[in-house]
PDB file of all heavy atoms in Angstrom:
ATOM      1  N   GLN A   1       3.101  12.562  -3.756  1.00  0.00           N
ATOM      2  CA  GLN A   1       4.075  12.776  -4.771  1.00  0.00           C
ATOM      3  C   GLN A   1       4.949  13.964  -4.534  1.00  0.00           C
ATOM      4  O   GLN A   1       6.121  13.937  -4.704  1.00  0.00           O
ATOM      5  CB  GLN A   1       3.403  13.003  -6.121  1.00  0.00           C
ATOM      6  CG  GLN A   1       4.416  12.967  -7.354  1.00  0.00           C
ATOM      7  CD  GLN A   1       3.620  13.031  -8.744  1.00  0.00           C
ATOM      8  OE1 GLN A   1       2.326  13.017  -8.721  1.00  0.00           O
ATOM      9  NE2 GLN A   1       4.367  13.089  -9.722  1.00  0.00           N
ATOM     10  N   ALA A   2       4.371  15.029  -4.060  1.00  0.00           N
ATOM     11  CA  ALA A   2       5.203  16.250  -3.702  1.00  0.00           C
ATOM     12  C   ALA A   2       6.099  15.937  -2.444  1.00  0.00           C
ATOM     13  O   ALA A   2       7.122  16.352  -2.453  1.00  0.00           O
ATOM     14  CB  ALA A   2       4.240  17.441  -3.454  1.00  0.00           C
ATOM     15  N   LEU A   3       5.561  15.205  -1.537  1.00  0.00           N
ATOM     16  CA  LEU A   3       6.361  14.908  -0.288  1.00  0.00           C
ATOM     17  C   LEU A   3       7.544  14.118  -0.677  1.00  0.00           C
ATOM     18  O   LEU A   3       8.714  14.357   0.005  1.00  0.00           O
ATOM     19  CB  LEU A   3       5.453  14.105   0.727  1.00  0.00           C
ATOM     20  CG  LEU A   3       4.522  14.953   1.509  1.00  0.00           C
ATOM     21  CD1 LEU A   3       3.532  13.946   2.277  1.00  0.00           C
ATOM     22  CD2 LEU A   3       5.126  15.898   2.469  1.00  0.00           C
ATOM     23  N   SER A   4       7.465  13.243  -1.675  1.00  0.00           N
ATOM     24  CA  SER A   4       8.589  12.388  -1.862  1.00  0.00           C
ATOM     25  C   SER A   4       9.742  13.178  -2.621  1.00  0.00           C
ATOM     26  O   SER A   4      10.936  12.710  -2.706  1.00  0.00           O
ATOM     27  CB  SER A   4       8.180  11.196  -2.902  1.00  0.00           C
ATOM     28  OG  SER A   4       7.836  11.798  -4.140  1.00  0.00           O
ATOM     29  N   LYS A   5       9.548  14.362  -2.965  1.00  0.00           N
ATOM     30  CA  LYS A   5      10.556  15.201  -3.588  1.00  0.00           C
ATOM     31  C   LYS A   5      11.100  16.288  -2.632  1.00  0.00           C
ATOM     32  O   LYS A   5      12.051  17.061  -3.104  1.00  0.00           O
ATOM     33  CB  LYS A   5      10.025  15.868  -4.862  1.00  0.00           C
ATOM     34  CG  LYS A   5       9.493  14.879  -5.911  1.00  0.00           C
ATOM     35  CD  LYS A   5       8.826  15.543  -7.067  1.00  0.00           C
ATOM     36  CE  LYS A   5       8.426  14.479  -8.164  1.00  0.00           C
ATOM     37  NZ  LYS A   5       7.686  15.283  -9.265  1.00  0.00           N
ATOM     38  N   LEU A   6      10.561  16.464  -1.520  1.00  0.00           N
ATOM     39  CA  LEU A   6      10.956  17.395  -0.611  1.00  0.00           C
ATOM     40  C   LEU A   6      12.377  17.265  -0.108  1.00  0.00           C
ATOM     41  O   LEU A   6      12.762  16.261   0.172  1.00  0.00           O
ATOM     42  CB  LEU A   6      10.033  17.604   0.599  1.00  0.00           C
ATOM     43  CG  LEU A   6       8.689  18.310   0.424  1.00  0.00           C
ATOM     44  CD1 LEU A   6       7.987  18.349   1.847  1.00  0.00           C
ATOM     45  CD2 LEU A   6       8.887  19.653  -0.069  1.00  0.00           C
ATOM     46  N   HIS A   7      13.120  18.420   0.027  1.00  0.00           N
ATOM     47  CA  HIS A   7      14.399  18.393   0.641  1.00  0.00           C
ATOM     48  C   HIS A   7      14.289  18.827   2.095  1.00  0.00           C
ATOM     49  O   HIS A   7      13.494  19.717   2.447  1.00  0.00           O
ATOM     50  CB  HIS A   7      15.370  19.419  -0.017  1.00  0.00           C
ATOM     51  CG  HIS A   7      15.589  19.066  -1.497  1.00  0.00           C
ATOM     52  ND1 HIS A   7      14.697  19.406  -2.517  1.00  0.00           N
ATOM     53  CD2 HIS A   7      16.678  18.438  -2.112  1.00  0.00           C
ATOM     54  CE1 HIS A   7      15.259  19.020  -3.657  1.00  0.00           C
ATOM     55  NE2 HIS A   7      16.420  18.415  -3.451  1.00  0.00           N
ATOM     56  N   GLY A   8      15.012  18.171   2.926  1.00  0.00           N
ATOM     57  CA  GLY A   8      14.974  18.388   4.353  1.00  0.00           C
ATOM     58  C   GLY A   8      14.568  17.254   5.210  1.00  0.00           C
ATOM     59  O   GLY A   8      14.117  16.258   4.669  1.00  0.00           O
ATOM     60  N   SER A   9      14.779  17.466   6.540  1.00  0.00           N
ATOM     61  CA  SER A   9      14.564  16.455   7.548  1.00  0.00           C
ATOM     62  C   SER A   9      13.436  17.089   8.461  1.00  0.00           C
ATOM     63  O   SER A   9      13.575  18.256   8.921  1.00  0.00           O
ATOM     64  CB  SER A   9      15.709  16.128   8.414  1.00  0.00           C
ATOM     65  OG  SER A   9      16.762  15.675   7.505  1.00  0.00           O
ATOM     66  N   PHE A  10      12.423  16.403   8.740  1.00  0.00           N
ATOM     67  CA  PHE A  10      11.250  16.938   9.454  1.00  0.00           C
ATOM     68  C   PHE A  10      10.236  15.940  10.002  1.00  0.00           C
ATOM     69  O   PHE A  10      10.207  14.813   9.669  1.00  0.00           O
ATOM     70  CB  PHE A  10      10.428  17.908   8.481  1.00  0.00           C
ATOM     71  CG  PHE A  10       9.896  17.194   7.317  1.00  0.00           C
ATOM     72  CD1 PHE A  10       8.707  16.609   7.363  1.00  0.00           C
ATOM     73  CD2 PHE A  10      10.581  17.226   6.015  1.00  0.00           C
ATOM     74  CE1 PHE A  10       8.167  15.919   6.221  1.00  0.00           C
ATOM     75  CE2 PHE A  10      10.150  16.588   5.005  1.00  0.00           C
ATOM     76  CZ  PHE A  10       8.918  15.980   5.019  1.00  0.00           C
ATOM     77  N   ILE A  11       9.543  16.435  11.017  1.00  0.00           N
ATOM     78  CA  ILE A  11       8.263  15.822  11.433  1.00  0.00           C
ATOM     79  C   ILE A  11       7.225  16.913  11.313  1.00  0.00           C
ATOM     80  O   ILE A  11       7.452  18.019  11.780  1.00  0.00           O
ATOM     81  CB  ILE A  11       8.341  15.304  12.838  1.00  0.00           C
ATOM     82  CG1 ILE A  11       9.175  14.170  12.984  1.00  0.00           C
ATOM     83  CG2 ILE A  11       6.918  14.867  13.341  1.00  0.00           C
ATOM     84  CD1 ILE A  11       9.331  13.601  14.436  1.00  0.00           C
ATOM     85  N   ALA A  12       6.192  16.674  10.600  1.00  0.00           N
ATOM     86  CA  ALA A  12       5.082  17.742  10.575  1.00  0.00           C
ATOM     87  C   ALA A  12       3.831  17.157  11.108  1.00  0.00           C
ATOM     88  O   ALA A  12       3.380  15.904  10.963  1.00  0.00           O
ATOM     89  CB  ALA A  12       4.814  18.079   9.055  1.00  0.00           C
ATOM     90  N   VAL A  13       3.057  17.975  11.894  1.00  0.00           N
ATOM     91  CA  VAL A  13       1.734  17.522  12.356  1.00  0.00           C
ATOM     92  C   VAL A  13       0.688  18.586  11.755  1.00  0.00           C
ATOM     93  O   VAL A  13       0.718  19.690  11.923  1.00  0.00           O
ATOM     94  CB  VAL A  13       1.682  17.712  13.955  1.00  0.00           C
ATOM     95  CG1 VAL A  13       0.336  17.059  14.412  1.00  0.00           C
ATOM     96  CG2 VAL A  13       2.844  17.044  14.542  1.00  0.00           C
ATOM     97  N   ARG A  14      -0.187  17.946  11.045  1.00  0.00           N
ATOM     98  CA  ARG A  14      -1.180  18.662  10.270  1.00  0.00           C
ATOM     99  C   ARG A  14      -2.543  18.646  10.980  1.00  0.00           C
ATOM    100  O   ARG A  14      -3.037  17.467  11.297  1.00  0.00           O
ATOM    101  CB  ARG A  14      -1.261  18.052   8.885  1.00  0.00           C
ATOM    102  CG  ARG A  14      -2.275  18.681   8.010  1.00  0.00           C
ATOM    103  CD  ARG A  14      -2.365  17.940   6.635  1.00  0.00           C
ATOM    104  NE  ARG A  14      -3.277  18.392   5.622  1.00  0.00           N
ATOM    105  CZ  ARG A  14      -4.598  17.960   5.626  1.00  0.00           C
ATOM    106  NH1 ARG A  14      -5.009  17.026   6.463  1.00  0.00           N
ATOM    107  NH2 ARG A  14      -5.408  18.394   4.690  1.00  0.00           N
ATOM    108  N   PHE A  15      -3.068  19.788  11.301  1.00  0.00           N
ATOM    109  CA  PHE A  15      -4.343  19.923  11.886  1.00  0.00           C
ATOM    110  C   PHE A  15      -5.421  20.372  11.011  1.00  0.00           C
ATOM    111  O   PHE A  15      -5.269  21.472  10.279  1.00  0.00           O
ATOM    112  CB  PHE A  15      -4.335  20.784  13.111  1.00  0.00           C
ATOM    113  CG  PHE A  15      -3.578  20.263  14.282  1.00  0.00           C
ATOM    114  CD1 PHE A  15      -2.224  20.572  14.575  1.00  0.00           C
ATOM    115  CD2 PHE A  15      -4.301  19.517  15.231  1.00  0.00           C
ATOM    116  CE1 PHE A  15      -1.618  20.035  15.630  1.00  0.00           C
ATOM    117  CE2 PHE A  15      -3.615  19.005  16.392  1.00  0.00           C
ATOM    118  CZ  PHE A  15      -2.272  19.317  16.521  1.00  0.00           C
ATOM    119  N   ASN A  16      -6.573  19.756  10.959  1.00  0.00           N
ATOM    120  CA  ASN A  16      -7.847  20.307  10.327  1.00  0.00           C
ATOM    121  C   ASN A  16      -8.627  20.568  11.408  1.00  0.00           C
ATOM    122  O   ASN A  16      -9.424  19.641  11.974  1.00  0.00           O
ATOM    123  CB  ASN A  16      -8.275  19.311   9.274  1.00  0.00           C
ATOM    124  CG  ASN A  16      -9.461  19.863   8.549  1.00  0.00           C
ATOM    125  OD1 ASN A  16     -10.353  20.577   9.115  1.00  0.00           O
ATOM    126  ND2 ASN A  16      -9.575  19.507   7.229  1.00  0.00           N
ATOM    127  N   LYS A  17      -8.814  21.738  11.870  1.00  0.00           N
ATOM    128  CA  LYS A  17      -9.632  22.070  13.091  1.00  0.00           C
ATOM    129  C   LYS A  17     -11.061  21.995  12.800  1.00  0.00           C
ATOM    130  O   LYS A  17     -11.791  21.613  13.664  1.00  0.00           O
ATOM    131  CB  LYS A  17      -9.270  23.533  13.559  1.00  0.00           C
ATOM    132  CG  LYS A  17      -7.868  23.748  14.033  1.00  0.00           C
ATOM    133  CD  LYS A  17      -7.537  25.060  14.477  1.00  0.00           C
ATOM    134  CE  LYS A  17      -6.096  25.351  14.864  1.00  0.00           C
ATOM    135  NZ  LYS A  17      -5.819  26.712  15.290  1.00  0.00           N
ATOM    136  N   THR A  18     -11.533  22.237  11.545  1.00  0.00           N
ATOM    137  CA  THR A  18     -12.849  22.132  11.299  1.00  0.00           C
ATOM    138  C   THR A  18     -13.379  20.688  11.401  1.00  0.00           C
ATOM    139  O   THR A  18     -14.431  20.309  11.968  1.00  0.00           O
ATOM    140  CB  THR A  18     -13.256  22.700   9.839  1.00  0.00           C
ATOM    141  OG1 THR A  18     -12.627  23.936   9.775  1.00  0.00           O
ATOM    142  CG2 THR A  18     -14.694  22.590   9.521  1.00  0.00           C
ATOM    143  N   GLN A  19     -12.666  19.754  10.853  1.00  0.00           N
ATOM    144  CA  GLN A  19     -12.998  18.264  10.849  1.00  0.00           C
ATOM    145  C   GLN A  19     -12.533  17.558  11.959  1.00  0.00           C
ATOM    146  O   GLN A  19     -12.751  16.292  12.175  1.00  0.00           O
ATOM    147  CB  GLN A  19     -12.523  17.641   9.503  1.00  0.00           C
ATOM    148  CG  GLN A  19     -13.176  18.268   8.311  1.00  0.00           C
ATOM    149  CD  GLN A  19     -12.705  17.663   6.986  1.00  0.00           C
ATOM    150  OE1 GLN A  19     -11.993  16.565   6.980  1.00  0.00           O
ATOM    151  NE2 GLN A  19     -13.104  18.208   5.778  1.00  0.00           N
ATOM    152  N   LYS A  20     -11.664  18.122  12.855  1.00  0.00           N
ATOM    153  CA  LYS A  20     -11.061  17.541  14.050  1.00  0.00           C
ATOM    154  C   LYS A  20     -10.222  16.453  13.568  1.00  0.00           C
ATOM    155  O   LYS A  20     -10.378  15.247  14.143  1.00  0.00           O
ATOM    156  CB  LYS A  20     -12.116  17.164  15.062  1.00  0.00           C
ATOM    157  CG  LYS A  20     -12.899  18.374  15.622  1.00  0.00           C
ATOM    158  CD  LYS A  20     -13.852  17.987  16.677  1.00  0.00           C
ATOM    159  CE  LYS A  20     -14.563  19.286  17.222  1.00  0.00           C
ATOM    160  NZ  LYS A  20     -15.571  18.802  18.320  1.00  0.00           N
ATOM    161  N   GLN A  21      -9.432  16.566  12.556  1.00  0.00           N
ATOM    162  CA  GLN A  21      -8.527  15.513  12.106  1.00  0.00           C
ATOM    163  C   GLN A  21      -7.031  15.999  12.443  1.00  0.00           C
ATOM    164  O   GLN A  21      -6.686  17.105  12.353  1.00  0.00           O
ATOM    165  CB  GLN A  21      -8.678  15.231  10.622  1.00  0.00           C
ATOM    166  CG  GLN A  21     -10.044  14.779  10.162  1.00  0.00           C
ATOM    167  CD  GLN A  21     -10.204  14.475   8.724  1.00  0.00           C
ATOM    168  OE1 GLN A  21      -9.313  14.635   8.055  1.00  0.00           O
ATOM    169  NE2 GLN A  21     -11.482  14.050   8.500  1.00  0.00           N
ATOM    170  N   LEU A  22      -6.254  14.856  12.494  1.00  0.00           N
ATOM    171  CA  LEU A  22      -4.751  15.118  12.832  1.00  0.00           C
ATOM    172  C   LEU A  22      -3.945  14.182  11.983  1.00  0.00           C
ATOM    173  O   LEU A  22      -4.292  12.970  11.922  1.00  0.00           O
ATOM    174  CB  LEU A  22      -4.435  14.993  14.368  1.00  0.00           C
ATOM    175  CG  LEU A  22      -3.071  15.228  14.838  1.00  0.00           C
ATOM    176  CD1 LEU A  22      -3.065  15.579  16.334  1.00  0.00           C
ATOM    177  CD2 LEU A  22      -2.202  13.866  14.747  1.00  0.00           C
ATOM    178  N   SER A  23      -2.955  14.685  11.420  1.00  0.00           N
ATOM    179  CA  SER A  23      -1.999  13.765  10.615  1.00  0.00           C
ATOM    180  C   SER A  23      -0.576  13.980  10.972  1.00  0.00           C
ATOM    181  O   SER A  23      -0.152  15.136  11.200  1.00  0.00           O
ATOM    182  CB  SER A  23      -2.076  13.999   9.157  1.00  0.00           C
ATOM    183  OG  SER A  23      -3.437  13.760   8.580  1.00  0.00           O
ATOM    184  N   LEU A  24       0.198  12.904  11.103  1.00  0.00           N
ATOM    185  CA  LEU A  24       1.603  12.869  11.442  1.00  0.00           C
ATOM    186  C   LEU A  24       2.271  12.498  10.061  1.00  0.00           C
ATOM    187  O   LEU A  24       2.061  11.484   9.521  1.00  0.00           O
ATOM    188  CB  LEU A  24       1.894  11.913  12.549  1.00  0.00           C
ATOM    189  CG  LEU A  24       1.310  12.218  13.878  1.00  0.00           C
ATOM    190  CD1 LEU A  24       1.612  11.069  14.828  1.00  0.00           C
ATOM    191  CD2 LEU A  24       1.962  13.496  14.483  1.00  0.00           C
TER     192      LEU A  24
END
C-alpha cells in the first residue's frame, strides 16, 4: 500500500541478511 503511493523512479534490492532472503 505504501509502495503504491511513492513518488519517484527506482529499482530497490532488499536484503535480509539474517534470513538470507532477497527481494527485488
